Protein backbone atom coordinates (compact mmCIF):
# COMPACT_ATOMS: atom_id res chain seq x y z
CA MET A 1 10.58 -9.60 22.21
CA LYS A 2 11.01 -6.90 19.59
CA ASN A 3 13.27 -7.52 16.60
CA ASP A 4 14.94 -5.19 14.10
CA PHE A 5 12.15 -5.50 11.54
CA PHE A 6 9.79 -2.63 10.85
CA PHE A 7 6.90 -5.12 11.05
CA GLN A 8 7.22 -6.49 14.56
CA ASP A 9 5.70 -9.64 15.98
CA THR A 10 2.98 -8.62 18.42
CA THR A 11 0.42 -10.18 20.72
CA ALA A 12 -1.96 -10.06 17.74
CA THR A 13 0.51 -12.04 15.63
CA ARG A 14 0.95 -14.68 18.33
CA LYS A 15 -2.82 -15.04 18.77
CA ILE A 16 -3.22 -15.47 15.00
CA PHE A 17 -0.54 -18.18 14.90
CA ASP A 18 -2.20 -20.02 17.82
CA MET A 19 -5.51 -20.46 15.96
CA ARG A 20 -6.32 -23.98 14.78
CA GLY A 21 -9.91 -24.01 13.44
CA ARG A 22 -10.77 -24.51 9.79
CA ILE A 23 -12.52 -21.14 9.73
CA ARG A 24 -10.46 -18.58 11.64
CA ALA A 25 -12.49 -15.45 12.21
CA VAL A 26 -10.79 -12.28 13.47
CA ALA A 27 -12.86 -9.25 14.41
CA GLY A 28 -11.14 -6.21 15.80
CA GLY A 29 -10.87 -2.51 16.38
CA THR A 30 -8.72 0.04 14.63
CA SER A 31 -4.95 -0.55 14.47
CA ALA A 32 -5.31 -4.05 15.93
CA SER A 33 -2.90 -5.62 13.38
CA LYS A 34 -5.51 -8.06 12.04
CA THR A 35 -4.57 -7.94 8.36
CA ILE A 36 -0.82 -7.63 8.92
CA SER A 37 -0.77 -10.62 11.28
CA ILE A 38 -2.79 -12.81 8.91
CA LEU A 39 -0.48 -11.88 6.03
CA VAL A 40 2.54 -12.81 8.17
CA TRP A 41 0.89 -16.20 8.76
CA LEU A 42 0.30 -16.63 5.02
CA ILE A 43 3.93 -15.81 4.22
CA ASP A 44 5.09 -18.35 6.82
CA TYR A 45 2.68 -20.90 5.33
CA ALA A 46 3.99 -20.29 1.81
CA ASN A 47 7.61 -20.61 2.94
CA THR A 48 6.99 -23.96 4.66
CA ARG A 49 4.47 -25.73 2.37
CA GLU A 50 5.14 -27.02 -1.14
CA ASN A 51 2.95 -26.40 -4.18
CA LYS A 52 -0.03 -24.92 -2.35
CA LEU A 53 -2.34 -22.06 -3.38
CA ALA A 54 -3.46 -19.32 -0.99
CA THR A 55 -5.92 -16.68 -2.19
CA VAL A 56 -6.41 -13.24 -0.66
CA VAL A 57 -9.82 -11.84 -1.62
CA SER A 58 -11.32 -8.37 -1.35
CA GLU A 59 -14.18 -6.51 -2.98
CA SER A 60 -12.03 -4.64 -5.54
CA TYR A 61 -8.51 -4.41 -6.91
CA PRO A 62 -8.12 -0.78 -5.78
CA HIS A 63 -8.90 -1.96 -2.24
CA LEU A 64 -6.35 -4.77 -2.57
CA GLU A 65 -3.66 -2.58 -4.12
CA SER A 66 -3.82 0.06 -1.39
CA GLY A 67 -4.27 -2.51 1.38
CA ALA A 68 -3.36 -6.20 1.40
CA ILE A 69 -1.03 -6.17 -1.64
CA GLU A 70 0.88 -3.14 -0.39
CA ASP A 71 1.15 -4.65 3.10
CA PHE A 72 2.23 -8.02 1.67
CA GLN A 73 4.99 -6.48 -0.42
CA SER A 74 6.17 -4.32 2.49
CA ILE A 75 6.37 -7.31 4.85
CA MET A 76 8.21 -9.39 2.24
CA ARG A 77 10.76 -6.62 1.63
CA ASP A 78 11.08 -5.99 5.35
CA ARG A 79 11.91 -9.68 5.94
CA GLY A 80 14.29 -9.79 2.97
CA TYR A 81 12.12 -12.31 1.10
CA TRP A 82 10.99 -10.22 -1.88
CA ASP A 83 12.14 -11.25 -5.34
CA GLU A 84 10.69 -9.09 -8.12
CA ASP A 85 11.03 -11.92 -10.64
CA ARG A 86 8.60 -14.05 -8.59
CA TRP A 87 5.83 -11.43 -8.69
CA HIS A 88 3.35 -11.51 -11.57
CA GLY A 89 2.02 -7.97 -11.54
CA THR A 90 -0.80 -8.59 -14.02
CA LYS A 91 -2.19 -11.68 -12.31
CA HIS A 92 -1.25 -10.45 -8.82
CA ILE A 93 0.45 -13.74 -7.88
CA TYR A 94 3.67 -14.29 -5.95
CA THR A 95 5.35 -17.69 -6.34
CA PHE A 96 7.62 -18.76 -3.49
CA GLU A 97 10.68 -21.02 -3.84
CA THR A 98 8.54 -23.81 -2.38
CA GLY A 99 6.24 -23.59 -5.38
CA THR A 100 3.42 -22.26 -3.19
CA ARG A 101 1.60 -19.24 -4.59
CA ILE A 102 -0.20 -16.36 -2.90
CA GLN A 103 -2.82 -14.93 -5.23
CA PHE A 104 -4.69 -11.62 -4.77
CA MET A 105 -8.14 -11.57 -6.32
CA ALA A 106 -11.04 -9.10 -6.42
CA VAL A 107 -14.46 -10.75 -6.19
CA ASP A 108 -17.58 -8.60 -6.30
CA THR A 109 -20.02 -10.93 -8.07
CA TYR A 110 -21.14 -14.50 -7.48
CA GLY A 111 -19.82 -15.58 -10.86
CA LYS A 112 -16.28 -14.51 -9.98
CA ALA A 113 -16.36 -16.72 -6.87
CA HIS A 114 -16.36 -19.80 -9.10
CA GLY A 115 -13.00 -21.11 -10.24
CA PRO A 116 -10.15 -23.41 -9.21
CA ARG A 117 -10.04 -24.68 -5.66
CA ARG A 118 -7.45 -23.38 -3.26
CA ASP A 119 -5.79 -24.59 -0.08
CA VAL A 120 -6.07 -21.38 1.98
CA LEU A 121 -8.48 -18.46 1.68
CA PHE A 122 -8.22 -15.03 3.30
CA ILE A 123 -11.24 -12.73 2.84
CA ASN A 124 -10.04 -9.30 3.88
CA GLU A 125 -12.79 -7.10 5.36
CA CYS A 126 -15.22 -9.90 4.66
CA ASN A 127 -18.25 -7.85 5.76
CA ASN A 128 -17.99 -5.98 2.45
CA LEU A 129 -18.82 -9.15 0.45
CA ALA A 130 -22.28 -10.68 0.07
CA TYR A 131 -22.83 -13.97 1.88
CA ASN A 132 -23.44 -16.05 -1.25
CA ILE A 133 -20.05 -14.90 -2.61
CA ALA A 134 -18.20 -15.66 0.63
CA ASP A 135 -19.97 -19.01 0.97
CA GLN A 136 -18.96 -20.06 -2.53
CA LEU A 137 -15.32 -19.07 -1.89
CA ILE A 138 -15.28 -20.97 1.42
CA THR A 139 -16.84 -24.07 -0.19
CA ARG A 140 -14.05 -24.12 -2.78
CA THR A 141 -11.27 -23.98 -0.13
CA ARG A 142 -9.67 -27.24 1.02
CA ASP A 143 -7.90 -26.29 4.22
CA VAL A 144 -7.93 -22.98 6.16
CA VAL A 145 -10.24 -19.96 5.80
CA TRP A 146 -9.29 -16.61 7.33
CA LEU A 147 -11.87 -13.82 7.79
CA ASP A 148 -11.25 -10.37 9.23
CA TRP A 149 -13.39 -7.26 9.74
CA ASN A 150 -14.20 -4.22 11.88
CA PRO A 151 -17.45 -5.08 13.70
CA SER A 152 -19.29 -1.85 12.90
CA GLU A 153 -22.55 -3.70 12.32
CA GLU A 154 -24.04 -7.19 12.22
CA PHE A 155 -23.62 -9.14 8.97
CA TRP A 156 -23.72 -12.72 7.68
CA PHE A 157 -20.92 -14.04 9.89
CA TYR A 158 -23.07 -13.41 12.98
CA THR A 159 -26.39 -14.46 11.44
CA GLU A 160 -25.54 -17.28 9.00
CA MET A 161 -22.21 -18.78 10.04
CA LEU A 162 -21.65 -18.46 13.78
CA PRO A 163 -24.97 -20.08 14.86
CA ASN A 164 -24.80 -22.90 12.30
CA ARG A 165 -21.20 -24.08 12.06
CA HIS A 166 -18.97 -25.93 14.53
CA ASP A 167 -15.64 -25.43 12.75
CA ILE A 168 -15.21 -21.73 13.58
CA GLU A 169 -12.55 -20.32 15.86
CA PHE A 170 -13.41 -16.69 16.60
CA ILE A 171 -11.22 -14.10 18.34
CA THR A 172 -11.35 -10.35 18.87
CA LEU A 173 -8.27 -8.14 18.70
CA THR A 174 -7.82 -4.53 19.82
CA TYR A 175 -5.11 -1.90 19.60
CA LEU A 176 -3.79 -3.25 22.92
CA ASP A 177 -2.77 -6.42 21.07
CA ASN A 178 -0.50 -4.37 18.80
CA GLU A 179 2.65 -3.38 20.72
CA ALA A 180 4.12 -1.88 17.53
CA LEU A 181 1.80 1.14 17.76
CA ASP A 182 3.39 4.50 18.49
CA ASP A 183 2.26 6.62 21.45
CA THR A 184 0.59 9.23 19.23
CA THR A 185 -1.70 6.64 17.63
CA ILE A 186 -2.55 5.11 21.01
CA LYS A 187 -3.44 8.51 22.47
CA GLU A 188 -5.56 9.33 19.42
CA ILE A 189 -7.51 6.08 19.77
CA GLU A 190 -8.01 6.51 23.51
CA SER A 191 -9.15 10.13 23.09
CA HIS A 192 -12.44 8.69 21.75
CA ARG A 193 -13.39 6.79 24.90
CA HIS A 194 -16.19 9.30 25.51
CA ASN A 195 -17.95 8.24 22.30
CA ILE A 196 -19.63 5.01 23.37
CA GLY A 197 -20.53 3.85 19.86
CA TRP A 198 -17.12 4.56 18.34
CA TRP A 199 -15.22 3.15 21.30
CA LYS A 200 -17.24 -0.06 21.32
CA VAL A 201 -16.33 -0.85 17.71
CA TYR A 202 -12.91 0.70 17.12
CA GLY A 203 -11.52 0.71 20.65
CA LEU A 204 -12.87 -2.57 22.06
CA GLY A 205 -13.50 -4.41 18.78
CA GLN A 206 -17.06 -5.32 19.81
CA LEU A 207 -20.12 -5.52 17.60
CA GLY A 208 -21.59 -2.07 17.07
CA GLU A 209 -25.08 -0.80 16.45
CA VAL A 210 -26.48 -0.30 12.97
CA GLU A 211 -28.33 2.93 13.76
CA GLY A 212 -25.12 4.88 14.38
CA ARG A 213 -24.14 5.18 10.71
CA ILE A 214 -24.75 8.53 9.07
CA TYR A 215 -24.83 7.56 5.38
CA ARG A 216 -26.46 4.51 3.78
CA ASP A 217 -27.41 3.02 0.44
CA TRP A 218 -24.65 4.53 -1.67
CA ASN A 219 -24.02 2.65 -4.90
CA ILE A 220 -20.43 1.58 -5.63
CA ILE A 221 -19.74 1.82 -9.37
CA ASP A 222 -16.82 0.64 -11.54
CA GLU A 223 -16.22 3.91 -13.36
CA ILE A 224 -17.65 7.32 -14.26
CA PRO A 225 -20.36 7.03 -16.95
CA HIS A 226 -19.51 8.87 -20.15
CA GLU A 227 -22.64 11.03 -19.82
CA ALA A 228 -21.80 12.24 -16.29
CA LYS A 229 -20.87 15.93 -15.94
CA LEU A 230 -18.09 17.12 -13.63
CA ILE A 231 -19.59 20.00 -11.65
CA ARG A 232 -17.35 20.42 -8.62
CA ARG A 233 -13.83 19.74 -7.41
CA ALA A 234 -13.71 19.70 -3.61
CA LEU A 235 -10.76 19.97 -1.23
CA ASP A 236 -10.23 19.26 2.47
CA PHE A 237 -6.83 20.45 3.69
CA GLY A 238 -4.58 18.20 5.77
CA TYR A 239 -0.91 17.81 6.48
CA SER A 240 0.87 15.85 9.20
CA ASN A 241 -1.98 14.17 11.11
CA ASP A 242 -4.78 14.29 8.54
CA PRO A 243 -4.72 13.64 4.81
CA THR A 244 -5.43 16.20 2.15
CA SER A 245 -8.48 14.99 0.25
CA VAL A 246 -9.53 15.98 -3.27
CA VAL A 247 -12.88 14.73 -4.60
CA ASP A 248 -14.44 15.20 -8.02
CA ILE A 249 -18.23 15.52 -7.90
CA TYR A 250 -20.31 14.60 -10.95
CA LYS A 251 -23.98 15.14 -11.72
CA TYR A 252 -25.59 12.12 -13.35
CA ASN A 253 -29.15 10.93 -13.87
CA GLY A 254 -30.59 13.08 -11.10
CA GLY A 255 -27.93 12.14 -8.52
CA PHE A 256 -24.29 12.69 -7.64
CA ILE A 257 -21.16 10.62 -8.21
CA PHE A 258 -18.14 11.06 -5.91
CA ASP A 259 -14.68 10.16 -7.23
CA GLU A 260 -11.61 10.21 -4.98
CA ARG A 261 -8.61 11.84 -6.65
CA LEU A 262 -6.26 12.43 -3.72
CA TYR A 263 -6.00 11.22 -0.12
CA GLN A 264 -2.51 11.82 1.23
CA LYS A 265 -0.68 13.29 4.21
CA GLY A 266 2.30 15.66 4.16
CA MET A 267 1.49 17.57 0.97
CA SER A 268 2.44 21.24 0.64
CA ASN A 269 0.09 23.68 -1.07
CA LYS A 270 2.45 23.75 -4.07
CA GLU A 271 2.24 19.96 -4.35
CA ILE A 272 -1.56 20.10 -4.05
CA ALA A 273 -1.73 22.74 -6.80
CA ASP A 274 0.56 20.75 -9.09
CA PHE A 275 -1.52 17.62 -8.52
CA ILE A 276 -4.80 19.38 -9.38
CA LYS A 277 -3.26 20.98 -12.47
CA ASP A 278 -2.49 17.48 -13.77
CA LEU A 279 -6.13 16.38 -13.45
CA GLU A 280 -8.72 16.59 -16.20
CA GLN A 281 -10.30 20.05 -16.42
CA PRO A 282 -7.68 21.75 -14.21
CA GLN A 283 -9.57 25.05 -14.35
CA MET A 284 -12.61 23.50 -12.67
CA THR A 285 -13.52 25.59 -9.60
CA VAL A 286 -12.25 24.03 -6.39
CA TYR A 287 -14.37 24.40 -3.23
CA ALA A 288 -12.20 24.30 -0.13
CA ASP A 289 -12.42 24.69 3.64
CA SER A 290 -12.87 28.38 4.45
CA SER A 291 -10.95 28.02 7.73
CA GLU A 292 -7.74 27.88 5.64
CA PRO A 293 -7.71 31.34 3.94
CA LYS A 294 -3.92 31.42 3.61
CA SER A 295 -3.88 28.06 1.86
CA ILE A 296 -6.71 29.12 -0.43
CA ASP A 297 -4.85 32.31 -1.34
CA GLU A 298 -1.68 30.35 -2.03
CA LEU A 299 -3.50 27.91 -4.32
CA ARG A 300 -4.86 30.91 -6.25
CA LEU A 301 -1.34 32.30 -6.63
CA TYR A 302 -0.45 28.97 -8.26
CA GLY A 303 -3.20 29.55 -10.83
CA LEU A 304 -6.13 27.56 -9.45
CA SER A 305 -9.72 28.78 -9.24
CA VAL A 306 -10.63 28.27 -5.57
CA LEU A 307 -13.71 29.33 -3.59
CA PRO A 308 -14.14 28.97 0.16
CA ALA A 309 -17.04 26.81 1.32
CA GLN A 310 -18.54 28.46 4.38
CA LYS A 311 -18.94 26.75 7.72
CA GLY A 312 -21.54 28.76 9.63
CA GLN A 313 -23.43 27.48 12.65
CA GLY A 314 -25.42 24.39 11.71
CA SER A 315 -23.76 24.03 8.30
CA VAL A 316 -22.25 20.61 9.04
CA ASN A 317 -25.59 19.01 9.92
CA GLN A 318 -27.37 20.80 7.09
CA GLY A 319 -24.73 19.55 4.64
CA ILE A 320 -25.10 16.02 5.98
CA ALA A 321 -28.89 16.22 5.74
CA TYR A 322 -28.64 17.40 2.13
CA ILE A 323 -26.32 14.54 1.12
CA GLN A 324 -28.55 12.03 2.93
CA ASP A 325 -31.42 13.10 0.68
CA GLN A 326 -29.51 12.56 -2.56
CA ARG A 327 -29.00 9.54 -4.77
CA VAL A 328 -25.25 8.95 -4.39
CA SER A 329 -22.78 6.72 -6.21
CA ILE A 330 -19.09 6.40 -5.42
CA THR A 331 -16.38 4.97 -7.67
CA LYS A 332 -14.75 1.68 -6.76
CA ARG A 333 -11.32 3.33 -6.76
CA SER A 334 -12.41 5.72 -3.99
CA ILE A 335 -10.97 3.39 -1.36
CA ASN A 336 -10.72 5.93 1.45
CA GLY A 337 -14.05 7.49 0.56
CA ILE A 338 -15.77 4.09 0.78
CA ARG A 339 -14.07 3.42 4.13
CA GLU A 340 -15.27 6.77 5.48
CA TYR A 341 -18.79 6.22 4.13
CA ARG A 342 -19.03 2.89 5.95
CA ASN A 343 -17.59 4.16 9.24
CA TYR A 344 -18.87 7.74 9.64
CA MET A 345 -21.16 7.68 12.66
CA TRP A 346 -23.09 9.94 15.00
CA GLU A 347 -21.65 10.65 18.43
CA GLN A 348 -23.13 8.84 21.40
CA ASP A 349 -23.29 10.06 24.98
CA LYS A 350 -22.08 8.12 28.02
CA ASN A 351 -25.36 6.20 28.07
CA GLY A 352 -25.04 5.13 24.45
CA LYS A 353 -27.74 7.52 23.22
CA ILE A 354 -27.11 8.95 19.76
CA ILE A 355 -26.70 12.73 19.73
CA ASN A 356 -26.92 15.05 16.76
CA ASP A 357 -23.17 15.49 16.23
CA PRO A 358 -21.00 13.48 13.83
CA ILE A 359 -17.77 11.93 15.07
CA ASP A 360 -14.57 13.76 14.17
CA GLN A 361 -13.22 10.63 12.46
CA PHE A 362 -13.54 9.15 8.97
CA ASN A 363 -14.47 12.55 7.60
CA HIS A 364 -11.75 13.95 5.31
CA PHE A 365 -13.22 12.72 2.02
CA LEU A 366 -16.71 13.40 3.36
CA ASP A 367 -15.87 16.93 4.52
CA ALA A 368 -14.53 17.68 1.05
CA VAL A 369 -17.81 16.42 -0.42
CA ARG A 370 -19.75 18.74 1.90
CA TYR A 371 -17.63 21.71 0.83
CA GLY A 372 -18.20 20.87 -2.82
CA LEU A 373 -21.97 20.67 -2.37
CA GLU A 374 -22.26 23.59 0.07
CA THR A 375 -23.96 25.96 -2.36
CA TYR A 376 -26.29 23.19 -3.53
CA ALA A 377 -27.24 22.44 0.04
CA ARG A 378 -27.60 26.10 1.00
CA ASN A 379 -29.87 26.85 -1.95
CA SER A 380 -31.94 23.76 -1.09
CA PHE A 381 -32.43 24.89 2.50
CA ILE A 382 -33.13 28.48 1.50
CA SER A 383 -35.87 27.20 -0.81
CA ALA A 384 -37.28 25.26 2.14
CA GLY A 385 -37.10 28.31 4.40
CA ILE A 386 -34.14 26.94 6.39
CA VAL A 387 -30.90 28.94 6.43
CA THR A 388 -27.69 28.83 8.38
CA SER A 389 -27.04 31.68 10.79
CA ASN A 390 -24.25 32.96 8.55
CA PRO A 391 -25.15 32.74 4.86
CA ILE A 392 -22.17 32.76 2.55
CA ALA A 393 -22.86 36.26 1.16
CA GLN A 394 -22.57 37.75 4.66
CA LYS A 395 -19.17 36.19 5.33
CA ALA A 396 -15.94 38.13 5.19
CA ASN A 397 -14.43 38.29 1.73
CA PRO A 398 -11.42 36.12 0.88
CA PHE A 399 -8.28 38.15 1.48
CA ILE A 400 -4.57 38.38 0.99
CA ILE A 401 -2.08 39.75 3.49
CA GLU A 402 -0.11 42.75 2.23
CA SER A 403 3.53 43.33 3.17
CA ASP A 404 2.48 45.85 5.82
CA GLY A 405 0.25 43.26 7.51
CA THR A 406 -3.08 44.66 6.33
CA ALA A 407 -5.76 42.45 4.78
CA LYS A 408 -7.03 43.20 1.30
CA ALA A 409 -10.22 41.67 -0.15
CA MET A 410 -9.58 39.83 -3.38
CA TYR A 411 -12.97 40.16 -5.02
CA ASP A 412 -16.73 40.22 -4.43
CA ILE A 413 -17.54 36.82 -2.94
CA THR A 414 -21.28 37.17 -3.67
CA ASN A 415 -20.73 37.62 -7.40
CA ALA A 416 -18.14 34.86 -7.43
CA VAL A 417 -20.59 32.39 -5.94
CA LYS A 418 -23.32 33.46 -8.34
CA ASN A 419 -21.01 33.01 -11.31
CA ALA A 420 -19.92 29.58 -10.11
CA GLU A 421 -23.51 28.50 -9.66
CA MET A 422 -24.39 29.69 -13.16
CA ASP A 423 -21.70 27.32 -14.47
CA ASP A 424 -23.62 24.40 -12.96
């Protein structure tokens, strides 16, 4: 039965509360309410147990802050429990009236897994942690261990834990377990039934195949090295359904570093321009999706230097192929970029055979990256004797619409591209 809270109890929540094993493992598809339901359980635990410690662990603080911490605070406020004086923002600990504490902790090395014992552990998106780290955390937990993940590929839970332990209770949740979902989200999820690989993981919550991932072996780094050079600022437009994504691209030690600067829905072009102007090097050339000429022209009117990245036939796969050949690092704060990197897959046909088309999901940060590196990729393929059917110099010039409805070219695109490349 639905209540008046924004965060509603769902089938997923009830299944979570019915679990009794020491290790409670929850795999699931997209929008299955895994994390929310486990956090609701933790809040109930903290309100009914005295002087206990529960620890929520993820691979980084940026991931926690934009995920579990934000969800925790929203649920607490929604239920009327939140007391600002009980939240220690520096240590990321909330102390309940019972004396029980919920602690949020980033653990990305084995050394950080050592420390005081706890009563309850929740490893959020546990597949992103190495097994020796997770094992150490579990060993130092007295009572209940929660694990959740999207089963996009096999990892240590399936190979090390499930065959060898007898204290695991394992369930799978899907979007159908989350009655709080709106119709638009449900229709969006179900529109991907034709993609066997995507549907298996994100629709049905079942273990997916490793070979479907497009990108691999990116290095996640703490921060931008001082010696790295900012060479591109890339933009993928969004609004109501998709986020606007801004990515800074650095050249460093023979490879590229990607740094997420913006990933947000509902932003006007004026808001995007103001945001970019507040970044370091605001006059850095921005490479944006050429299918949005009006938006590009508007950003220029606000004083930004913007070039359209071309999208001729074959350009998507050529851009992907170029990035696959590079040594790539991504900053730890690029939460959405890391999520896209881990979940961007090739389409599969009805028989499960991989076809040479990427899914139209998890690709806003990654599309921006492609736009930013378009001229790099194009020059690489030209050198190799491979060109798209519509090289950038043959495209229509960027234009503005005059008051009489006629289009007027703004400048010579060929020279603009050449000048931008000379800056590199």
